[in-house]
Amino acid sequence: MALEAWGSDKDLFSSGAAERIDDLELMREPLANPGKVIRKLRGTMVEHMAALPKDGPARRKKAARSKDSDDTTPARKAKPVAKPPPKPKPRPDRSALAGAEAALTDAEERHESERAALAKRQAELDRERRKLEVDQARERDKLDRKVAAARNKYDRAMQAWRDD
């Protein structure tokens, strides 16, 4: 989660750019906001500079240059001080994307709930239809028997009338 939050695809912990924190005071805010980048200063600039390795890349380059130069080379002219590089552009705001994704998730959950309610209503209607079909079949059988009995009685009466 930390790599994703900082926008990195490299393991910042193995390279030494990040380290595990055990200080409860420093952990309180990040644990309350998982997935969110929390920036905390853990010392002064002097302390940060003092913590840098004594033979860092800049000092190694300077030492290599001084070894390469000899006393016979003319003194170099002082170069003008370069402007510091411009600040990098801030990362794009992700809030619109997060809002759209949250809306999509909410809609999918609502759609699933509506489909489940519709399926429940459909099952109730299916049960009601089957009960209605059974009731109607019973009524039809009863009426068919009455019609058959009445037809039988009528046929006998017709037969007796013809015989007379």
Protein backbone atom coordinates (compact mmCIF):
# COMPACT_ATOMS: atom_id res chain seq x y z
CA MET A 1 0.00 0.00 0.00
CA ALA A 2 2.88 2.36 0.78
CA LEU A 3 4.42 1.86 -2.66
CA GLU A 4 1.08 2.56 -4.33
CA ALA A 5 0.41 5.60 -2.14
CA TRP A 6 3.83 7.10 -2.94
CA GLY A 7 3.46 6.24 -6.65
CA SER A 8 6.52 3.99 -6.70
CA ASP A 9 7.08 0.61 -8.28
CA LYS A 10 10.37 -0.02 -6.46
CA ASP A 11 10.74 -1.34 -2.94
CA LEU A 12 11.59 1.85 -1.03
CA PHE A 13 12.38 -0.16 2.09
CA SER A 14 15.07 -2.35 0.49
CA SER A 15 16.74 0.66 -1.16
CA GLY A 16 16.89 2.51 2.17
CA ALA A 17 14.59 5.34 1.04
CA ALA A 18 11.98 4.20 3.57
CA GLU A 19 12.19 2.49 6.92
CA ARG A 20 9.88 0.81 9.39
CA ILE A 21 8.68 3.08 12.19
CA ASP A 22 8.01 1.78 15.70
CA ASP A 23 7.30 5.15 17.37
CA LEU A 24 3.65 5.03 18.48
CA GLU A 25 3.27 8.81 18.18
CA LEU A 26 4.47 8.78 14.55
CA MET A 27 2.27 5.76 13.71
CA ARG A 28 -1.00 7.16 15.13
CA GLU A 29 -2.04 9.32 12.14
CA PRO A 30 -1.01 6.87 9.34
CA LEU A 31 -2.86 4.02 11.06
CA ALA A 32 -5.97 6.20 11.31
CA ASN A 33 -5.77 6.95 7.55
CA PRO A 34 -4.69 3.75 5.73
CA GLY A 35 -3.76 4.24 2.07
CA LYS A 36 -3.19 7.97 2.51
CA VAL A 37 0.27 9.52 2.34
CA ILE A 38 1.09 11.17 5.66
CA ARG A 39 4.20 13.36 5.67
CA LYS A 40 5.89 13.87 9.03
CA LEU A 41 9.22 15.58 9.70
CA ARG A 42 11.32 13.51 12.03
CA GLY A 43 14.09 15.99 12.65
CA THR A 44 15.59 19.30 11.64
CA MET A 45 17.37 19.96 8.35
CA VAL A 46 20.70 19.93 10.20
CA GLU A 47 19.87 16.49 11.61
CA HIS A 48 18.89 15.24 8.15
CA MET A 49 22.12 16.52 6.61
CA ALA A 50 24.17 15.02 9.43
CA ALA A 51 22.50 11.66 8.83
CA LEU A 52 23.70 11.54 5.20
CA PRO A 53 26.68 9.25 4.54
CA LYS A 54 30.01 11.06 4.78
CA ASP A 55 31.20 9.62 1.47
CA GLY A 56 28.00 10.30 -0.47
CA PRO A 57 27.92 10.56 -4.28
CA ALA A 58 28.61 14.32 -4.36
CA ARG A 59 31.70 14.01 -2.17
CA ARG A 60 33.01 11.05 -4.21
CA LYS A 61 32.70 13.06 -7.43
CA LYS A 62 34.47 16.02 -5.84
CA ALA A 63 37.26 13.77 -4.59
CA ALA A 64 37.63 12.15 -8.02
CA ARG A 65 37.88 15.59 -9.68
CA SER A 66 40.55 16.74 -7.27
CA LYS A 67 42.59 13.55 -7.93
CA ASP A 68 42.29 14.04 -11.71
CA SER A 69 43.57 17.61 -11.56
CA ASP A 70 47.27 18.19 -11.17
CA ASP A 71 49.32 21.24 -10.33
CA THR A 72 50.17 21.94 -13.99
CA THR A 73 46.62 22.67 -15.08
CA PRO A 74 45.56 26.29 -15.02
CA ALA A 75 43.14 27.27 -12.31
CA ARG A 76 39.58 26.86 -13.38
CA LYS A 77 37.35 29.87 -13.49
CA ALA A 78 34.57 29.78 -10.98
CA LYS A 79 31.34 28.81 -12.63
CA PRO A 80 28.32 30.94 -11.96
CA VAL A 81 25.97 29.44 -9.41
CA ALA A 82 23.23 27.57 -11.23
CA LYS A 83 19.62 28.14 -10.37
CA PRO A 84 18.06 25.30 -8.45
CA PRO A 85 15.97 23.06 -10.68
CA PRO A 86 12.30 23.97 -10.81
CA LYS A 87 10.03 22.18 -8.39
CA PRO A 88 8.46 19.10 -9.95
CA LYS A 89 4.85 19.34 -10.95
CA PRO A 90 2.47 18.00 -8.32
CA ARG A 91 0.90 14.65 -8.98
CA PRO A 92 -2.51 14.86 -10.66
CA ASP A 93 -5.48 15.02 -8.29
CA ARG A 94 -7.01 11.56 -7.92
CA SER A 95 -10.14 12.71 -6.07
CA ALA A 96 -12.35 12.84 -9.20
CA LEU A 97 -11.32 9.30 -10.15
CA ALA A 98 -11.84 8.05 -6.58
CA GLY A 99 -15.29 9.69 -6.51
CA ALA A 100 -16.26 8.13 -9.84
CA GLU A 101 -15.04 4.70 -8.71
CA ALA A 102 -16.99 5.03 -5.45
CA ALA A 103 -20.12 6.02 -7.39
CA LEU A 104 -19.68 2.99 -9.66
CA THR A 105 -19.28 0.67 -6.67
CA ASP A 106 -22.39 2.14 -5.02
CA ALA A 107 -24.39 1.75 -8.24
CA GLU A 108 -23.27 -1.87 -8.67
CA GLU A 109 -24.30 -2.67 -5.09
CA ARG A 110 -27.66 -0.93 -5.60
CA HIS A 111 -28.23 -2.78 -8.90
CA GLU A 112 -27.47 -6.11 -7.25
CA SER A 113 -29.90 -5.29 -4.44
CA GLU A 114 -32.62 -4.33 -6.93
CA ARG A 115 -32.04 -7.55 -8.93
CA ALA A 116 -32.28 -9.59 -5.71
CA ALA A 117 -35.56 -7.86 -4.76
CA LEU A 118 -36.95 -8.49 -8.24
CA ALA A 119 -35.92 -12.16 -8.07
CA LYS A 120 -37.69 -12.46 -4.70
CA ARG A 121 -40.86 -10.90 -6.14
CA GLN A 122 -40.61 -13.21 -9.17
CA ALA A 123 -40.36 -16.27 -6.88
CA GLU A 124 -43.43 -15.10 -4.94
CA LEU A 125 -45.36 -14.60 -8.19
CA ASP A 126 -44.29 -18.06 -9.39
CA ARG A 127 -45.57 -19.62 -6.15
CA GLU A 128 -48.83 -17.67 -6.45
CA ARG A 129 -49.24 -18.78 -10.11
CA ARG A 130 -48.66 -22.45 -9.23
CA LYS A 131 -51.23 -22.25 -6.39
CA LEU A 132 -53.71 -20.56 -8.73
CA GLU A 133 -53.17 -23.26 -11.37
CA VAL A 134 -53.75 -26.02 -8.77
CA ASP A 135 -56.91 -24.31 -7.47
CA GLN A 136 -58.23 -23.79 -11.00
CA ALA A 137 -57.46 -27.41 -11.94
CA ARG A 138 -59.42 -28.64 -8.89
CA GLU A 139 -62.35 -26.38 -9.72
CA ARG A 140 -62.31 -27.49 -13.36
CA ASP A 141 -62.23 -31.18 -12.36
CA LYS A 142 -65.18 -30.61 -10.01
CA LEU A 143 -67.14 -28.77 -12.71
CA ASP A 144 -66.20 -31.39 -15.35
CA ARG A 145 -67.65 -34.07 -13.06
CA LYS A 146 -70.85 -32.02 -12.63
CA VAL A 147 -71.10 -31.54 -16.41
CA ALA A 148 -70.52 -35.25 -16.96
CA ALA A 149 -73.16 -36.16 -14.37
CA ALA A 150 -75.64 -33.65 -15.83
CA ARG A 151 -74.91 -34.92 -19.37
CA ASN A 152 -75.41 -38.49 -18.23
CA LYS A 153 -78.71 -37.58 -16.60
CA TYR A 154 -79.79 -35.66 -19.73
CA ASP A 155 -78.78 -38.53 -22.06
CA ARG A 156 -80.80 -41.00 -19.98
CA ALA A 157 -83.78 -38.65 -19.98
CA MET A 158 -83.49 -38.26 -23.78
CA GLN A 159 -83.23 -42.00 -24.19
CA ALA A 160 -86.30 -42.54 -22.00
CA TRP A 161 -88.21 -39.88 -23.95
CA ARG A 162 -87.35 -41.52 -27.29
CA ASP A 163 -88.37 -44.88 -25.97
CA ASP A 164 -91.80 -43.55 -25.03
